[in-house]
Amino acid sequence: MDPNAQIAGPPRPGWPYFKHPVCRTSGYGFFGTHHVIAVSGVKDIPQTCNFLWAGLNKFDGCKILTKTYCGGTDGYLQWRFQRWISCNPGMIASSWFDTTKNQLGFLDCEAKQPDVQPEEEDDG
């Protein structure tokens, strides 16, 4: 091990712990909604990010986004952006499906699924 290497922190949650992407939103009224979407198990993060942005860009209402970021390491991807009302959750879900075919899980930014998977109960 390199003696000058720095530890970045604890290991990131990984597959299969995230059995679906986690989507958190913060509403800012007239100024739109900020999205933070995280998922694990991504094989090619740069390509996935490119396809996610291209998928959103095909919708006129999603061409103007602010506070944009997409990236990550070790198969753990984070996708962040702030959207206006003209870019609706269905358009975001469409971009996700076109990019992943839901192989990384179903994207639900309307709070119909839990943020994290429940712990398995111990029968003992």
N, C-alpha and C. Protein backbone atom coordinates (compact mmCIF):
# COMPACT_ATOMS: atom_id res chain seq x y z
N MET A 1 0.85 -1.19 0.00
CA MET A 1 0.00 0.00 0.00
C MET A 1 0.89 1.24 0.00
N ASP A 2 0.50 2.24 -0.76
CA ASP A 2 1.24 3.50 -0.84
C ASP A 2 1.16 4.23 0.49
N PRO A 3 2.31 4.56 1.13
CA PRO A 3 2.27 5.24 2.42
C PRO A 3 1.71 6.66 2.32
N ASN A 4 1.68 7.25 1.12
CA ASN A 4 1.14 8.60 0.94
C ASN A 4 -0.34 8.60 0.56
N ALA A 5 -0.92 7.43 0.41
CA ALA A 5 -2.32 7.34 0.01
C ALA A 5 -3.21 7.88 1.13
N GLN A 6 -4.25 8.57 0.72
CA GLN A 6 -5.20 9.11 1.69
C GLN A 6 -6.48 8.30 1.64
N ILE A 7 -7.02 8.05 2.79
CA ILE A 7 -8.29 7.34 2.88
C ILE A 7 -9.41 8.36 2.67
N ALA A 8 -10.26 8.10 1.71
CA ALA A 8 -11.33 9.05 1.36
C ALA A 8 -12.48 9.00 2.35
N GLY A 9 -12.60 7.93 3.08
CA GLY A 9 -13.71 7.80 4.01
C GLY A 9 -14.21 6.37 4.03
N PRO A 10 -15.31 6.12 4.70
CA PRO A 10 -15.83 4.77 4.76
C PRO A 10 -16.28 4.30 3.38
N PRO A 11 -16.33 2.99 3.19
CA PRO A 11 -16.78 2.48 1.89
C PRO A 11 -18.18 2.98 1.56
N ARG A 12 -18.40 3.19 0.30
CA ARG A 12 -19.73 3.65 -0.14
C ARG A 12 -20.69 2.47 -0.14
N PRO A 13 -21.97 2.76 0.07
CA PRO A 13 -22.93 1.66 -0.02
C PRO A 13 -22.89 1.10 -1.43
N GLY A 14 -22.97 -0.18 -1.56
CA GLY A 14 -22.83 -0.77 -2.88
C GLY A 14 -23.92 -1.78 -3.19
N TRP A 15 -23.87 -2.23 -4.39
CA TRP A 15 -24.80 -3.22 -4.86
C TRP A 15 -24.59 -4.48 -4.05
N PRO A 16 -25.58 -5.21 -3.56
CA PRO A 16 -27.00 -5.01 -3.83
C PRO A 16 -27.73 -4.19 -2.78
N TYR A 17 -27.03 -3.42 -1.92
CA TYR A 17 -27.72 -2.66 -0.87
C TYR A 17 -28.74 -1.70 -1.48
N PHE A 18 -28.32 -0.92 -2.50
CA PHE A 18 -29.29 -0.10 -3.22
C PHE A 18 -29.92 -1.00 -4.27
N LYS A 19 -31.14 -1.41 -4.03
CA LYS A 19 -31.80 -2.26 -5.01
C LYS A 19 -32.56 -1.43 -6.02
N HIS A 20 -32.51 -0.12 -5.84
CA HIS A 20 -33.11 0.82 -6.77
C HIS A 20 -32.41 2.16 -6.57
N PRO A 21 -32.52 3.06 -7.54
CA PRO A 21 -31.93 4.38 -7.34
C PRO A 21 -32.68 5.14 -6.24
N VAL A 22 -31.94 5.93 -5.50
CA VAL A 22 -32.52 6.76 -4.45
C VAL A 22 -32.66 8.17 -5.02
N CYS A 23 -33.84 8.74 -4.90
CA CYS A 23 -34.11 10.07 -5.44
C CYS A 23 -34.62 10.97 -4.32
N ARG A 24 -33.91 12.06 -4.10
CA ARG A 24 -34.35 13.05 -3.11
C ARG A 24 -34.57 14.37 -3.83
N THR A 25 -35.66 15.04 -3.49
CA THR A 25 -35.96 16.32 -4.13
C THR A 25 -36.17 17.39 -3.06
N SER A 26 -35.86 18.62 -3.44
CA SER A 26 -36.12 19.79 -2.60
C SER A 26 -36.80 20.82 -3.48
N GLY A 27 -38.00 21.23 -3.09
CA GLY A 27 -38.74 22.21 -3.88
C GLY A 27 -38.39 23.63 -3.49
N TYR A 28 -38.25 24.49 -4.50
CA TYR A 28 -37.95 25.90 -4.28
C TYR A 28 -38.98 26.80 -4.95
N GLY A 29 -40.23 26.35 -4.98
CA GLY A 29 -41.32 27.15 -5.54
C GLY A 29 -41.07 27.58 -6.97
N PHE A 30 -41.13 28.88 -7.22
CA PHE A 30 -40.93 29.44 -8.55
C PHE A 30 -39.57 29.04 -9.13
N PHE A 31 -38.58 28.83 -8.26
CA PHE A 31 -37.22 28.55 -8.72
C PHE A 31 -36.98 27.08 -9.05
N GLY A 32 -38.01 26.26 -8.97
CA GLY A 32 -37.90 24.88 -9.42
C GLY A 32 -37.65 23.88 -8.32
N THR A 33 -37.20 22.70 -8.72
CA THR A 33 -36.96 21.58 -7.82
C THR A 33 -35.55 21.06 -8.03
N HIS A 34 -34.84 20.86 -6.94
CA HIS A 34 -33.49 20.30 -7.00
C HIS A 34 -33.58 18.79 -6.79
N HIS A 35 -32.92 18.03 -7.65
CA HIS A 35 -32.92 16.57 -7.58
C HIS A 35 -31.52 16.07 -7.25
N VAL A 36 -31.45 15.07 -6.39
CA VAL A 36 -30.21 14.33 -6.15
C VAL A 36 -30.59 12.86 -6.28
N ILE A 37 -30.02 12.21 -7.29
CA ILE A 37 -30.32 10.81 -7.57
C ILE A 37 -29.03 10.02 -7.42
N ALA A 38 -29.07 8.97 -6.62
CA ALA A 38 -27.89 8.13 -6.39
C ALA A 38 -28.25 6.68 -6.69
N VAL A 39 -27.29 5.98 -7.27
CA VAL A 39 -27.49 4.57 -7.58
C VAL A 39 -26.13 3.88 -7.55
N SER A 40 -26.13 2.61 -7.23
CA SER A 40 -24.89 1.84 -7.25
C SER A 40 -24.98 0.76 -8.31
N GLY A 41 -23.84 0.20 -8.66
CA GLY A 41 -23.79 -0.86 -9.67
C GLY A 41 -23.62 -0.37 -11.09
N VAL A 42 -23.20 0.88 -11.27
CA VAL A 42 -23.03 1.46 -12.61
C VAL A 42 -21.66 1.05 -13.16
N LYS A 43 -21.65 0.42 -14.32
CA LYS A 43 -20.39 -0.07 -14.89
C LYS A 43 -19.59 1.03 -15.58
N ASP A 44 -20.24 1.93 -16.30
CA ASP A 44 -19.55 3.00 -17.04
C ASP A 44 -20.21 4.33 -16.69
N ILE A 45 -19.69 4.98 -15.66
CA ILE A 45 -20.30 6.21 -15.15
C ILE A 45 -20.29 7.34 -16.19
N PRO A 46 -19.16 7.64 -16.85
CA PRO A 46 -19.17 8.73 -17.83
C PRO A 46 -20.20 8.51 -18.95
N GLN A 47 -20.25 7.30 -19.48
CA GLN A 47 -21.21 7.02 -20.55
C GLN A 47 -22.65 7.12 -20.04
N THR A 48 -22.90 6.60 -18.86
CA THR A 48 -24.25 6.67 -18.29
C THR A 48 -24.66 8.13 -18.10
N CYS A 49 -23.75 8.95 -17.57
CA CYS A 49 -24.05 10.38 -17.39
C CYS A 49 -24.36 11.05 -18.73
N ASN A 50 -23.55 10.77 -19.74
CA ASN A 50 -23.79 11.37 -21.07
C ASN A 50 -25.18 11.01 -21.58
N PHE A 51 -25.57 9.75 -21.43
CA PHE A 51 -26.88 9.31 -21.91
C PHE A 51 -28.01 9.92 -21.08
N LEU A 52 -27.81 10.07 -19.76
CA LEU A 52 -28.84 10.70 -18.93
C LEU A 52 -29.09 12.14 -19.36
N TRP A 53 -27.99 12.91 -19.57
CA TRP A 53 -28.15 14.31 -20.01
C TRP A 53 -28.79 14.37 -21.39
N ALA A 54 -28.37 13.49 -22.30
CA ALA A 54 -28.94 13.48 -23.66
C ALA A 54 -30.43 13.15 -23.60
N GLY A 55 -30.80 12.24 -22.71
CA GLY A 55 -32.21 11.88 -22.56
C GLY A 55 -33.06 13.05 -22.09
N LEU A 56 -32.53 13.83 -21.16
CA LEU A 56 -33.27 15.02 -20.71
C LEU A 56 -33.31 16.09 -21.78
N ASN A 57 -32.23 16.22 -22.52
CA ASN A 57 -32.12 17.27 -23.53
C ASN A 57 -33.11 17.10 -24.68
N LYS A 58 -33.63 15.90 -24.86
CA LYS A 58 -34.60 15.70 -25.95
C LYS A 58 -35.95 16.35 -25.65
N PHE A 59 -36.16 16.73 -24.39
CA PHE A 59 -37.39 17.43 -24.01
C PHE A 59 -37.12 18.92 -23.95
N ASP A 60 -37.91 19.71 -24.68
CA ASP A 60 -37.72 21.17 -24.68
C ASP A 60 -37.77 21.73 -23.26
N GLY A 61 -38.64 21.21 -22.42
CA GLY A 61 -38.79 21.71 -21.07
C GLY A 61 -37.62 21.41 -20.15
N CYS A 62 -36.72 20.52 -20.59
CA CYS A 62 -35.58 20.13 -19.75
C CYS A 62 -34.25 20.65 -20.29
N LYS A 63 -34.29 21.54 -21.27
CA LYS A 63 -33.04 22.03 -21.86
C LYS A 63 -32.33 23.04 -20.98
N ILE A 64 -33.07 23.67 -20.05
CA ILE A 64 -32.44 24.64 -19.16
C ILE A 64 -32.45 24.07 -17.75
N LEU A 65 -31.31 23.54 -17.33
CA LEU A 65 -31.13 23.01 -15.99
C LEU A 65 -30.01 23.80 -15.33
N THR A 66 -30.04 23.90 -14.02
CA THR A 66 -28.97 24.58 -13.30
C THR A 66 -28.41 23.64 -12.24
N LYS A 67 -27.28 24.02 -11.66
CA LYS A 67 -26.62 23.25 -10.60
C LYS A 67 -26.46 21.79 -11.02
N THR A 68 -25.94 21.59 -12.23
CA THR A 68 -25.85 20.24 -12.79
C THR A 68 -24.56 19.55 -12.40
N TYR A 69 -24.67 18.25 -12.16
CA TYR A 69 -23.51 17.39 -11.88
C TYR A 69 -23.93 15.96 -12.15
N CYS A 70 -23.03 15.19 -12.71
CA CYS A 70 -23.22 13.75 -12.83
C CYS A 70 -21.83 13.13 -12.79
N GLY A 71 -21.64 12.17 -11.90
CA GLY A 71 -20.35 11.51 -11.80
C GLY A 71 -20.33 10.56 -10.63
N GLY A 72 -19.14 10.10 -10.29
CA GLY A 72 -18.99 9.19 -9.17
C GLY A 72 -17.80 8.28 -9.37
N THR A 73 -17.64 7.36 -8.45
CA THR A 73 -16.55 6.38 -8.51
C THR A 73 -17.05 5.04 -8.01
N ASP A 74 -16.29 4.02 -8.30
CA ASP A 74 -16.54 2.67 -7.78
C ASP A 74 -17.96 2.18 -8.05
N GLY A 75 -18.52 2.55 -9.19
CA GLY A 75 -19.86 2.11 -9.55
C GLY A 75 -20.99 2.86 -8.87
N TYR A 76 -20.64 3.87 -8.09
CA TYR A 76 -21.63 4.65 -7.34
C TYR A 76 -21.82 5.98 -8.05
N LEU A 77 -22.97 6.18 -8.68
CA LEU A 77 -23.24 7.37 -9.49
C LEU A 77 -24.15 8.33 -8.73
N GLN A 78 -23.83 9.62 -8.84
CA GLN A 78 -24.73 10.65 -8.33
C GLN A 78 -25.06 11.60 -9.48
N TRP A 79 -26.34 11.89 -9.64
CA TRP A 79 -26.85 12.77 -10.70
C TRP A 79 -27.63 13.87 -10.01
N ARG A 80 -27.18 15.13 -10.18
CA ARG A 80 -27.83 16.26 -9.51
C ARG A 80 -28.15 17.35 -10.52
N PHE A 81 -29.28 18.00 -10.30
CA PHE A 81 -29.65 19.14 -11.14
C PHE A 81 -30.85 19.84 -10.52
N GLN A 82 -31.04 21.07 -10.93
CA GLN A 82 -32.24 21.82 -10.56
C GLN A 82 -33.03 22.07 -11.83
N ARG A 83 -34.31 21.75 -11.78
CA ARG A 83 -35.17 21.85 -12.96
C ARG A 83 -36.28 22.86 -12.71
N TRP A 84 -36.80 23.38 -13.81
CA TRP A 84 -37.98 24.24 -13.75
C TRP A 84 -39.20 23.36 -13.87
N ILE A 85 -40.38 23.92 -13.67
CA ILE A 85 -41.62 23.16 -13.70
C ILE A 85 -41.87 22.53 -15.08
N SER A 86 -41.32 23.12 -16.13
CA SER A 86 -41.51 22.60 -17.49
C SER A 86 -40.82 21.25 -17.70
N CYS A 87 -39.92 20.88 -16.83
CA CYS A 87 -39.23 19.58 -16.89
C CYS A 87 -39.82 18.73 -15.78
N ASN A 88 -40.76 17.87 -16.13
CA ASN A 88 -41.51 17.15 -15.10
C ASN A 88 -40.89 15.79 -14.75
N PRO A 89 -41.31 15.18 -13.64
CA PRO A 89 -40.74 13.89 -13.23
C PRO A 89 -40.87 12.80 -14.27
N GLY A 90 -41.91 12.83 -15.10
CA GLY A 90 -42.05 11.84 -16.16
C GLY A 90 -40.93 11.93 -17.19
N MET A 91 -40.48 13.14 -17.48
CA MET A 91 -39.37 13.33 -18.42
C MET A 91 -38.07 12.80 -17.82
N ILE A 92 -37.89 13.02 -16.53
CA ILE A 92 -36.69 12.52 -15.84
C ILE A 92 -36.71 10.99 -15.84
N ALA A 93 -37.86 10.40 -15.52
CA ALA A 93 -38.00 8.94 -15.52
C ALA A 93 -37.78 8.37 -16.92
N SER A 94 -38.22 9.09 -17.94
CA SER A 94 -38.02 8.65 -19.32
C SER A 94 -36.54 8.61 -19.67
N SER A 95 -35.80 9.65 -19.28
CA SER A 95 -34.36 9.67 -19.53
C SER A 95 -33.69 8.51 -18.80
N TRP A 96 -34.11 8.26 -17.56
CA TRP A 96 -33.54 7.15 -16.79
C TRP A 96 -33.80 5.82 -17.49
N PHE A 97 -35.05 5.60 -17.91
CA PHE A 97 -35.39 4.34 -18.56
C PHE A 97 -34.65 4.17 -19.88
N ASP A 98 -34.61 5.23 -20.70
CA ASP A 98 -33.91 5.15 -21.98
C ASP A 98 -32.44 4.82 -21.78
N THR A 99 -31.84 5.31 -20.70
CA THR A 99 -30.42 5.08 -20.43
C THR A 99 -30.16 3.71 -19.83
N THR A 100 -30.97 3.31 -18.85
CA THR A 100 -30.66 2.10 -18.07
C THR A 100 -31.57 0.92 -18.36
N LYS A 101 -32.68 1.16 -19.05
CA LYS A 101 -33.71 0.13 -19.25
C LYS A 101 -34.15 -0.46 -17.90
N ASN A 102 -34.02 0.33 -16.85
CA ASN A 102 -34.35 -0.04 -15.47
C ASN A 102 -33.52 -1.21 -14.94
N GLN A 103 -32.38 -1.49 -15.58
CA GLN A 103 -31.51 -2.56 -15.08
C GLN A 103 -30.88 -2.20 -13.74
N LEU A 104 -30.84 -0.91 -13.41
CA LEU A 104 -30.33 -0.47 -12.11
C LEU A 104 -31.48 -0.17 -11.15
N GLY A 105 -32.69 -0.49 -11.56
CA GLY A 105 -33.86 -0.25 -10.73
C GLY A 105 -34.74 0.84 -11.32
N PHE A 106 -35.95 0.89 -10.84
CA PHE A 106 -36.96 1.85 -11.28
C PHE A 106 -36.73 3.18 -10.58
N LEU A 107 -36.66 4.26 -11.35
CA LEU A 107 -36.48 5.59 -10.77
C LEU A 107 -37.83 6.17 -10.38
N ASP A 108 -37.96 6.50 -9.10
CA ASP A 108 -39.20 7.07 -8.60
C ASP A 108 -38.87 8.33 -7.82
N CYS A 109 -39.08 9.48 -8.42
CA CYS A 109 -38.81 10.75 -7.75
C CYS A 109 -40.09 11.35 -7.17
N GLU A 110 -41.13 10.55 -7.07
CA GLU A 110 -42.39 11.04 -6.51
C GLU A 110 -42.72 10.35 -5.20
N ALA A 111 -41.67 9.81 -4.53
CA ALA A 111 -41.77 9.25 -3.18
C ALA A 111 -42.71 8.06 -3.05
N LYS A 112 -42.71 7.20 -4.03
CA LYS A 112 -43.53 6.00 -3.94
C LYS A 112 -42.72 4.79 -3.48
N GLN A 113 -41.43 4.98 -3.25
CA GLN A 113 -40.59 3.90 -2.74
C GLN A 113 -39.70 4.46 -1.64
N PRO A 114 -39.21 3.61 -0.74
CA PRO A 114 -38.39 4.11 0.37
C PRO A 114 -37.03 4.59 -0.10
N ASP A 115 -36.41 5.48 0.69
CA ASP A 115 -35.06 5.96 0.37
C ASP A 115 -34.03 4.84 0.39
N VAL A 116 -34.16 3.94 1.35
CA VAL A 116 -33.20 2.83 1.47
C VAL A 116 -33.97 1.54 1.63
N GLN A 117 -33.30 0.45 1.36
CA GLN A 117 -33.92 -0.85 1.54
C GLN A 117 -34.05 -1.16 3.02
N PRO A 118 -35.15 -1.78 3.44
CA PRO A 118 -35.28 -2.15 4.86
C PRO A 118 -34.26 -3.22 5.23
N GLU A 119 -33.84 -3.19 6.47
CA GLU A 119 -32.92 -4.21 6.97
C GLU A 119 -33.65 -5.54 7.00
N GLU A 120 -32.92 -6.61 6.70
CA GLU A 120 -33.53 -7.93 6.78
C GLU A 120 -33.73 -8.28 8.24
N GLU A 121 -34.91 -8.83 8.56
CA GLU A 121 -35.20 -9.18 9.94
C GLU A 121 -34.50 -10.48 10.29
N ASP A 122 -34.00 -10.54 11.51
CA ASP A 122 -33.33 -11.74 12.01
C ASP A 122 -34.37 -12.62 12.69
N ASP A 123 -34.49 -13.85 12.22
CA ASP A 123 -35.47 -14.76 12.81
C ASP A 123 -35.01 -15.34 14.14
N GLY A 124 -33.76 -15.10 14.51
CA GLY A 124 -33.17 -15.71 15.70
C GLY A 124 -33.52 -15.05 16.91
